[in-house]
Amino acid sequence: MNFLEKITGSDMTKEMKAFEERAKLLPADYQAAWNKIMNHLWIYGDFTGRNLMPILDHALELLEVTSADGQSVNEVLGDDIKGFCAALVGEEGSKTYRDKWRDQLNNNVARKLGGLS
């Protein structure tokens, strides 16, 4: 990856297109699960989402392998896809980008207010 690709995010666009092509080869129930995983994981991303690329790759690989083995999507992921995604990123209490921005804003306001006293 060169500097221009990293700045523009074109490397991630290529990677996301590759993920979507791979996901199209999955059975319909696995494709639906992939879409849910994508929706639930993005809230744990940083500003660019670059930190999620390896996680998305491994999640898609899990779906590919288990569908090839003939397992049902419920056997693999269970009923709680949101919990599965939280487990992928670390733990249930993992901070989302909203939490990080909220903390940053609160710290900035507290610092400014502290300087006024």
N, C-alpha and C. Protein backbone atom coordinates (compact mmCIF):
# COMPACT_ATOMS: atom_id res chain seq x y z
N MET A 1 0.85 -1.17 0.00
CA MET A 1 0.00 0.00 0.00
C MET A 1 0.90 1.23 0.00
N ASN A 2 0.65 2.12 -0.95
CA ASN A 2 1.45 3.34 -0.99
C ASN A 2 0.75 4.46 -0.23
N PHE A 3 1.44 5.57 -0.12
CA PHE A 3 0.95 6.70 0.66
C PHE A 3 -0.37 7.23 0.13
N LEU A 4 -0.48 7.38 -1.18
CA LEU A 4 -1.69 7.93 -1.78
C LEU A 4 -2.90 7.03 -1.52
N GLU A 5 -2.71 5.71 -1.63
CA GLU A 5 -3.81 4.78 -1.34
C GLU A 5 -4.26 4.89 0.11
N LYS A 6 -3.29 5.05 1.01
CA LYS A 6 -3.62 5.14 2.43
C LYS A 6 -4.38 6.44 2.72
N ILE A 7 -3.96 7.54 2.10
CA ILE A 7 -4.62 8.83 2.33
C ILE A 7 -6.03 8.85 1.76
N THR A 8 -6.19 8.33 0.54
CA THR A 8 -7.50 8.37 -0.11
C THR A 8 -8.43 7.25 0.35
N GLY A 9 -7.87 6.19 0.92
CA GLY A 9 -8.69 5.06 1.35
C GLY A 9 -9.02 4.10 0.22
N SER A 10 -8.36 4.27 -0.93
CA SER A 10 -8.68 3.39 -2.06
C SER A 10 -8.29 1.94 -1.79
N ASP A 11 -7.30 1.74 -0.94
CA ASP A 11 -6.93 0.37 -0.58
C ASP A 11 -8.07 -0.31 0.18
N MET A 12 -8.73 0.44 1.03
CA MET A 12 -9.86 -0.13 1.78
C MET A 12 -11.05 -0.37 0.86
N THR A 13 -11.25 0.51 -0.11
CA THR A 13 -12.34 0.32 -1.07
C THR A 13 -12.14 -0.97 -1.84
N LYS A 14 -10.91 -1.22 -2.26
CA LYS A 14 -10.59 -2.46 -2.98
C LYS A 14 -10.84 -3.67 -2.08
N GLU A 15 -10.42 -3.54 -0.83
CA GLU A 15 -10.58 -4.66 0.11
C GLU A 15 -12.06 -4.92 0.38
N MET A 16 -12.86 -3.87 0.53
CA MET A 16 -14.29 -4.04 0.78
C MET A 16 -14.98 -4.67 -0.43
N LYS A 17 -14.58 -4.28 -1.63
CA LYS A 17 -15.15 -4.89 -2.83
C LYS A 17 -14.81 -6.38 -2.89
N ALA A 18 -13.59 -6.70 -2.49
CA ALA A 18 -13.18 -8.11 -2.46
C ALA A 18 -14.00 -8.88 -1.43
N PHE A 19 -14.26 -8.26 -0.27
CA PHE A 19 -15.10 -8.90 0.74
C PHE A 19 -16.50 -9.17 0.19
N GLU A 20 -17.06 -8.17 -0.49
CA GLU A 20 -18.41 -8.32 -1.04
C GLU A 20 -18.46 -9.41 -2.11
N GLU A 21 -17.43 -9.52 -2.93
CA GLU A 21 -17.39 -10.59 -3.93
C GLU A 21 -17.33 -11.95 -3.27
N ARG A 22 -16.54 -12.06 -2.21
CA ARG A 22 -16.46 -13.32 -1.48
C ARG A 22 -17.79 -13.64 -0.82
N ALA A 23 -18.45 -12.62 -0.26
CA ALA A 23 -19.73 -12.84 0.43
C ALA A 23 -20.82 -13.27 -0.53
N LYS A 24 -20.75 -12.83 -1.79
CA LYS A 24 -21.76 -13.22 -2.78
C LYS A 24 -21.74 -14.72 -3.06
N LEU A 25 -20.63 -15.37 -2.78
CA LEU A 25 -20.51 -16.81 -3.01
C LEU A 25 -21.10 -17.64 -1.88
N LEU A 26 -21.45 -16.99 -0.78
CA LEU A 26 -22.01 -17.70 0.37
C LEU A 26 -23.49 -17.99 0.14
N PRO A 27 -24.03 -19.00 0.84
CA PRO A 27 -25.48 -19.24 0.79
C PRO A 27 -26.25 -18.03 1.33
N ALA A 28 -27.51 -17.94 1.01
CA ALA A 28 -28.33 -16.77 1.34
C ALA A 28 -28.36 -16.46 2.84
N ASP A 29 -28.51 -17.50 3.68
CA ASP A 29 -28.56 -17.23 5.12
C ASP A 29 -27.22 -16.72 5.65
N TYR A 30 -26.13 -17.18 5.07
CA TYR A 30 -24.81 -16.69 5.44
C TYR A 30 -24.60 -15.26 4.95
N GLN A 31 -25.14 -14.93 3.78
CA GLN A 31 -25.04 -13.56 3.28
C GLN A 31 -25.79 -12.60 4.20
N ALA A 32 -26.96 -13.02 4.66
CA ALA A 32 -27.73 -12.20 5.59
C ALA A 32 -26.94 -11.99 6.89
N ALA A 33 -26.31 -13.05 7.38
CA ALA A 33 -25.51 -12.94 8.60
C ALA A 33 -24.32 -12.01 8.37
N TRP A 34 -23.70 -12.10 7.20
CA TRP A 34 -22.57 -11.22 6.87
C TRP A 34 -23.01 -9.76 6.90
N ASN A 35 -24.16 -9.47 6.34
CA ASN A 35 -24.66 -8.09 6.34
C ASN A 35 -24.90 -7.59 7.76
N LYS A 36 -25.43 -8.46 8.62
CA LYS A 36 -25.65 -8.08 10.01
C LYS A 36 -24.32 -7.85 10.72
N ILE A 37 -23.35 -8.71 10.45
CA ILE A 37 -22.02 -8.55 11.05
C ILE A 37 -21.42 -7.22 10.63
N MET A 38 -21.52 -6.91 9.35
CA MET A 38 -20.98 -5.65 8.85
C MET A 38 -21.63 -4.47 9.57
N ASN A 39 -22.95 -4.50 9.72
CA ASN A 39 -23.65 -3.40 10.38
C ASN A 39 -23.24 -3.25 11.84
N HIS A 40 -23.06 -4.36 12.53
CA HIS A 40 -22.74 -4.29 13.95
C HIS A 40 -21.27 -3.98 14.22
N LEU A 41 -20.37 -4.34 13.31
CA LEU A 41 -18.95 -4.12 13.57
C LEU A 41 -18.50 -2.69 13.32
N TRP A 42 -19.14 -1.99 12.40
CA TRP A 42 -18.65 -0.66 12.04
C TRP A 42 -18.66 0.32 13.20
N ILE A 43 -19.50 0.12 14.19
CA ILE A 43 -19.51 1.06 15.31
C ILE A 43 -18.25 0.96 16.16
N TYR A 44 -17.48 -0.13 16.01
CA TYR A 44 -16.25 -0.30 16.76
C TYR A 44 -15.03 0.21 16.00
N GLY A 45 -15.25 0.75 14.81
CA GLY A 45 -14.14 1.20 13.99
C GLY A 45 -13.59 2.53 14.44
N ASP A 46 -12.37 2.81 13.98
CA ASP A 46 -11.82 4.13 14.21
C ASP A 46 -12.35 5.05 13.12
N PHE A 47 -11.78 6.23 12.98
CA PHE A 47 -12.29 7.21 12.02
C PHE A 47 -12.35 6.66 10.60
N THR A 48 -11.35 5.88 10.22
CA THR A 48 -11.31 5.34 8.86
C THR A 48 -11.91 3.95 8.76
N GLY A 49 -11.95 3.22 9.84
CA GLY A 49 -12.41 1.84 9.80
C GLY A 49 -11.30 0.87 9.46
N ARG A 50 -10.09 1.39 9.29
CA ARG A 50 -8.95 0.57 8.89
C ARG A 50 -8.66 -0.53 9.91
N ASN A 51 -8.93 -0.27 11.19
CA ASN A 51 -8.66 -1.26 12.22
C ASN A 51 -9.59 -2.47 12.13
N LEU A 52 -10.68 -2.33 11.39
CA LEU A 52 -11.64 -3.44 11.28
C LEU A 52 -11.34 -4.40 10.13
N MET A 53 -10.47 -4.02 9.22
CA MET A 53 -10.22 -4.85 8.04
C MET A 53 -9.79 -6.28 8.40
N PRO A 54 -8.83 -6.47 9.31
CA PRO A 54 -8.47 -7.86 9.66
C PRO A 54 -9.62 -8.61 10.34
N ILE A 55 -10.39 -7.91 11.15
CA ILE A 55 -11.51 -8.55 11.84
C ILE A 55 -12.57 -8.98 10.83
N LEU A 56 -12.88 -8.11 9.88
CA LEU A 56 -13.86 -8.45 8.85
C LEU A 56 -13.37 -9.63 8.01
N ASP A 57 -12.08 -9.63 7.70
CA ASP A 57 -11.52 -10.72 6.91
C ASP A 57 -11.67 -12.06 7.64
N HIS A 58 -11.37 -12.06 8.92
CA HIS A 58 -11.47 -13.31 9.69
C HIS A 58 -12.92 -13.74 9.88
N ALA A 59 -13.82 -12.79 10.07
CA ALA A 59 -15.24 -13.13 10.21
C ALA A 59 -15.77 -13.74 8.91
N LEU A 60 -15.39 -13.16 7.79
CA LEU A 60 -15.84 -13.70 6.50
C LEU A 60 -15.22 -15.07 6.25
N GLU A 61 -13.98 -15.24 6.63
CA GLU A 61 -13.33 -16.55 6.48
C GLU A 61 -14.04 -17.60 7.32
N LEU A 62 -14.46 -17.23 8.53
CA LEU A 62 -15.22 -18.15 9.38
C LEU A 62 -16.50 -18.57 8.69
N LEU A 63 -17.20 -17.61 8.10
CA LEU A 63 -18.45 -17.94 7.40
C LEU A 63 -18.19 -18.82 6.19
N GLU A 64 -17.12 -18.55 5.46
CA GLU A 64 -16.80 -19.37 4.28
C GLU A 64 -16.50 -20.81 4.66
N VAL A 65 -15.69 -20.98 5.69
CA VAL A 65 -15.28 -22.33 6.10
C VAL A 65 -16.46 -23.12 6.65
N THR A 66 -17.25 -22.48 7.50
CA THR A 66 -18.37 -23.21 8.10
C THR A 66 -19.48 -23.51 7.10
N SER A 67 -19.67 -22.63 6.12
CA SER A 67 -20.68 -22.94 5.10
C SER A 67 -20.19 -24.08 4.22
N ALA A 68 -18.89 -24.14 3.97
CA ALA A 68 -18.34 -25.24 3.19
C ALA A 68 -18.44 -26.56 3.95
N ASP A 69 -18.40 -26.49 5.28
CA ASP A 69 -18.54 -27.69 6.10
C ASP A 69 -19.99 -28.13 6.25
N GLY A 70 -20.92 -27.31 5.78
CA GLY A 70 -22.33 -27.67 5.83
C GLY A 70 -23.03 -27.31 7.12
N GLN A 71 -22.40 -26.50 7.95
CA GLN A 71 -23.04 -26.09 9.20
C GLN A 71 -24.04 -24.98 8.92
N SER A 72 -25.05 -24.90 9.77
CA SER A 72 -26.01 -23.81 9.62
C SER A 72 -25.43 -22.56 10.27
N VAL A 73 -25.92 -21.43 9.84
CA VAL A 73 -25.41 -20.16 10.36
C VAL A 73 -25.73 -20.01 11.84
N ASN A 74 -26.85 -20.58 12.30
CA ASN A 74 -27.19 -20.52 13.73
C ASN A 74 -26.26 -21.36 14.58
N GLU A 75 -25.76 -22.48 14.03
CA GLU A 75 -24.78 -23.29 14.75
C GLU A 75 -23.49 -22.53 14.96
N VAL A 76 -23.14 -21.71 13.99
CA VAL A 76 -21.86 -20.99 14.03
C VAL A 76 -21.95 -19.73 14.87
N LEU A 77 -22.96 -18.91 14.61
CA LEU A 77 -23.05 -17.60 15.24
C LEU A 77 -24.03 -17.53 16.40
N GLY A 78 -24.95 -18.46 16.45
CA GLY A 78 -25.99 -18.40 17.46
C GLY A 78 -27.03 -17.37 17.08
N ASP A 79 -27.85 -16.99 18.04
CA ASP A 79 -28.91 -16.03 17.79
C ASP A 79 -28.49 -14.59 18.04
N ASP A 80 -27.37 -14.40 18.71
CA ASP A 80 -26.94 -13.06 19.12
C ASP A 80 -25.76 -12.59 18.27
N ILE A 81 -26.03 -12.07 17.10
CA ILE A 81 -24.96 -11.61 16.22
C ILE A 81 -24.30 -10.37 16.80
N LYS A 82 -25.06 -9.53 17.46
CA LYS A 82 -24.49 -8.33 18.08
C LYS A 82 -23.47 -8.73 19.15
N GLY A 83 -23.79 -9.72 19.94
CA GLY A 83 -22.86 -10.23 20.95
C GLY A 83 -21.64 -10.88 20.33
N PHE A 84 -21.86 -11.59 19.22
CA PHE A 84 -20.76 -12.20 18.48
C PHE A 84 -19.79 -11.11 18.02
N CYS A 85 -20.32 -10.02 17.50
CA CYS A 85 -19.48 -8.92 17.01
C CYS A 85 -18.72 -8.25 18.15
N ALA A 86 -19.38 -8.09 19.29
CA ALA A 86 -18.71 -7.52 20.46
C ALA A 86 -17.57 -8.43 20.91
N ALA A 87 -17.78 -9.74 20.83
CA ALA A 87 -16.72 -10.68 21.20
C ALA A 87 -15.56 -10.61 20.21
N LEU A 88 -15.86 -10.36 18.94
CA LEU A 88 -14.80 -10.25 17.94
C LEU A 88 -13.86 -9.08 18.21
N VAL A 89 -14.41 -7.98 18.68
CA VAL A 89 -13.59 -6.79 18.89
C VAL A 89 -12.96 -6.76 20.28
N GLY A 90 -13.30 -7.66 21.11
CA GLY A 90 -12.66 -7.71 22.41
C GLY A 90 -13.56 -8.18 23.51
N GLU A 91 -14.54 -7.36 23.86
CA GLU A 91 -15.43 -7.72 24.95
C GLU A 91 -16.73 -6.94 24.81
N GLU A 92 -17.69 -7.29 25.61
CA GLU A 92 -19.01 -6.66 25.55
C GLU A 92 -18.93 -5.16 25.83
N GLY A 93 -18.03 -4.75 26.70
CA GLY A 93 -17.94 -3.34 27.07
C GLY A 93 -17.00 -2.53 26.18
N SER A 94 -16.64 -3.04 25.02
CA SER A 94 -15.72 -2.31 24.15
C SER A 94 -16.31 -0.97 23.77
N LYS A 95 -15.43 0.02 23.69
CA LYS A 95 -15.89 1.36 23.36
C LYS A 95 -16.11 1.50 21.85
N THR A 96 -17.19 2.16 21.51
CA THR A 96 -17.46 2.46 20.12
C THR A 96 -16.82 3.81 19.79
N TYR A 97 -16.84 4.18 18.53
CA TYR A 97 -16.26 5.47 18.17
C TYR A 97 -17.05 6.60 18.82
N ARG A 98 -18.34 6.40 19.02
CA ARG A 98 -19.14 7.43 19.70
C ARG A 98 -18.68 7.62 21.14
N ASP A 99 -18.39 6.52 21.83
CA ASP A 99 -17.90 6.60 23.20
C ASP A 99 -16.56 7.33 23.26
N LYS A 100 -15.68 7.02 22.32
CA LYS A 100 -14.36 7.65 22.30
C LYS A 100 -14.49 9.15 22.04
N TRP A 101 -15.34 9.53 21.11
CA TRP A 101 -15.53 10.95 20.81
C TRP A 101 -16.19 11.66 21.98
N ARG A 102 -17.13 11.00 22.63
CA ARG A 102 -17.79 11.59 23.80
C ARG A 102 -16.77 11.84 24.91
N ASP A 103 -15.91 10.86 25.16
CA ASP A 103 -14.87 11.03 26.18
C ASP A 103 -13.93 12.17 25.83
N GLN A 104 -13.55 12.25 24.56
CA GLN A 104 -12.65 13.32 24.12
C GLN A 104 -13.32 14.69 24.31
N LEU A 105 -14.58 14.80 23.93
CA LEU A 105 -15.31 16.06 24.10
C LEU A 105 -15.42 16.43 25.57
N ASN A 106 -15.77 15.46 26.41
CA ASN A 106 -15.89 15.72 27.84
C ASN A 106 -14.56 16.17 28.43
N ASN A 107 -13.47 15.55 28.02
CA ASN A 107 -12.14 15.94 28.52
C ASN A 107 -11.79 17.36 28.07
N ASN A 108 -12.10 17.68 26.82
CA ASN A 108 -11.81 19.03 26.32
C ASN A 108 -12.63 20.08 27.07
N VAL A 109 -13.90 19.81 27.29
CA VAL A 109 -14.76 20.75 28.01
C VAL A 109 -14.27 20.90 29.45
N ALA A 110 -13.94 19.80 30.08
CA ALA A 110 -13.46 19.85 31.47
C ALA A 110 -12.16 20.64 31.56
N ARG A 111 -11.28 20.47 30.60
CA ARG A 111 -10.01 21.19 30.59
C ARG A 111 -10.26 22.69 30.42
N LYS A 112 -11.17 23.05 29.49
CA LYS A 112 -11.50 24.46 29.27
C LYS A 112 -12.16 25.09 30.50
N LEU A 113 -13.08 24.35 31.10
CA LEU A 113 -13.74 24.87 32.28
C LEU A 113 -12.79 24.97 33.46
N GLY A 114 -11.87 24.05 33.54
CA GLY A 114 -10.87 24.09 34.62
C GLY A 114 -9.95 25.28 34.48
N GLY A 115 -9.70 25.72 33.23
CA GLY A 115 -8.84 26.86 33.00
C GLY A 115 -9.54 28.17 33.31
N LEU A 116 -10.89 28.17 33.38
CA LEU A 116 -11.64 29.38 33.65
C LEU A 116 -11.68 29.71 35.14
N SER A 117 -11.51 28.71 35.97
CA SER A 117 -11.65 28.92 37.41
C SER A 117 -10.53 29.73 37.97
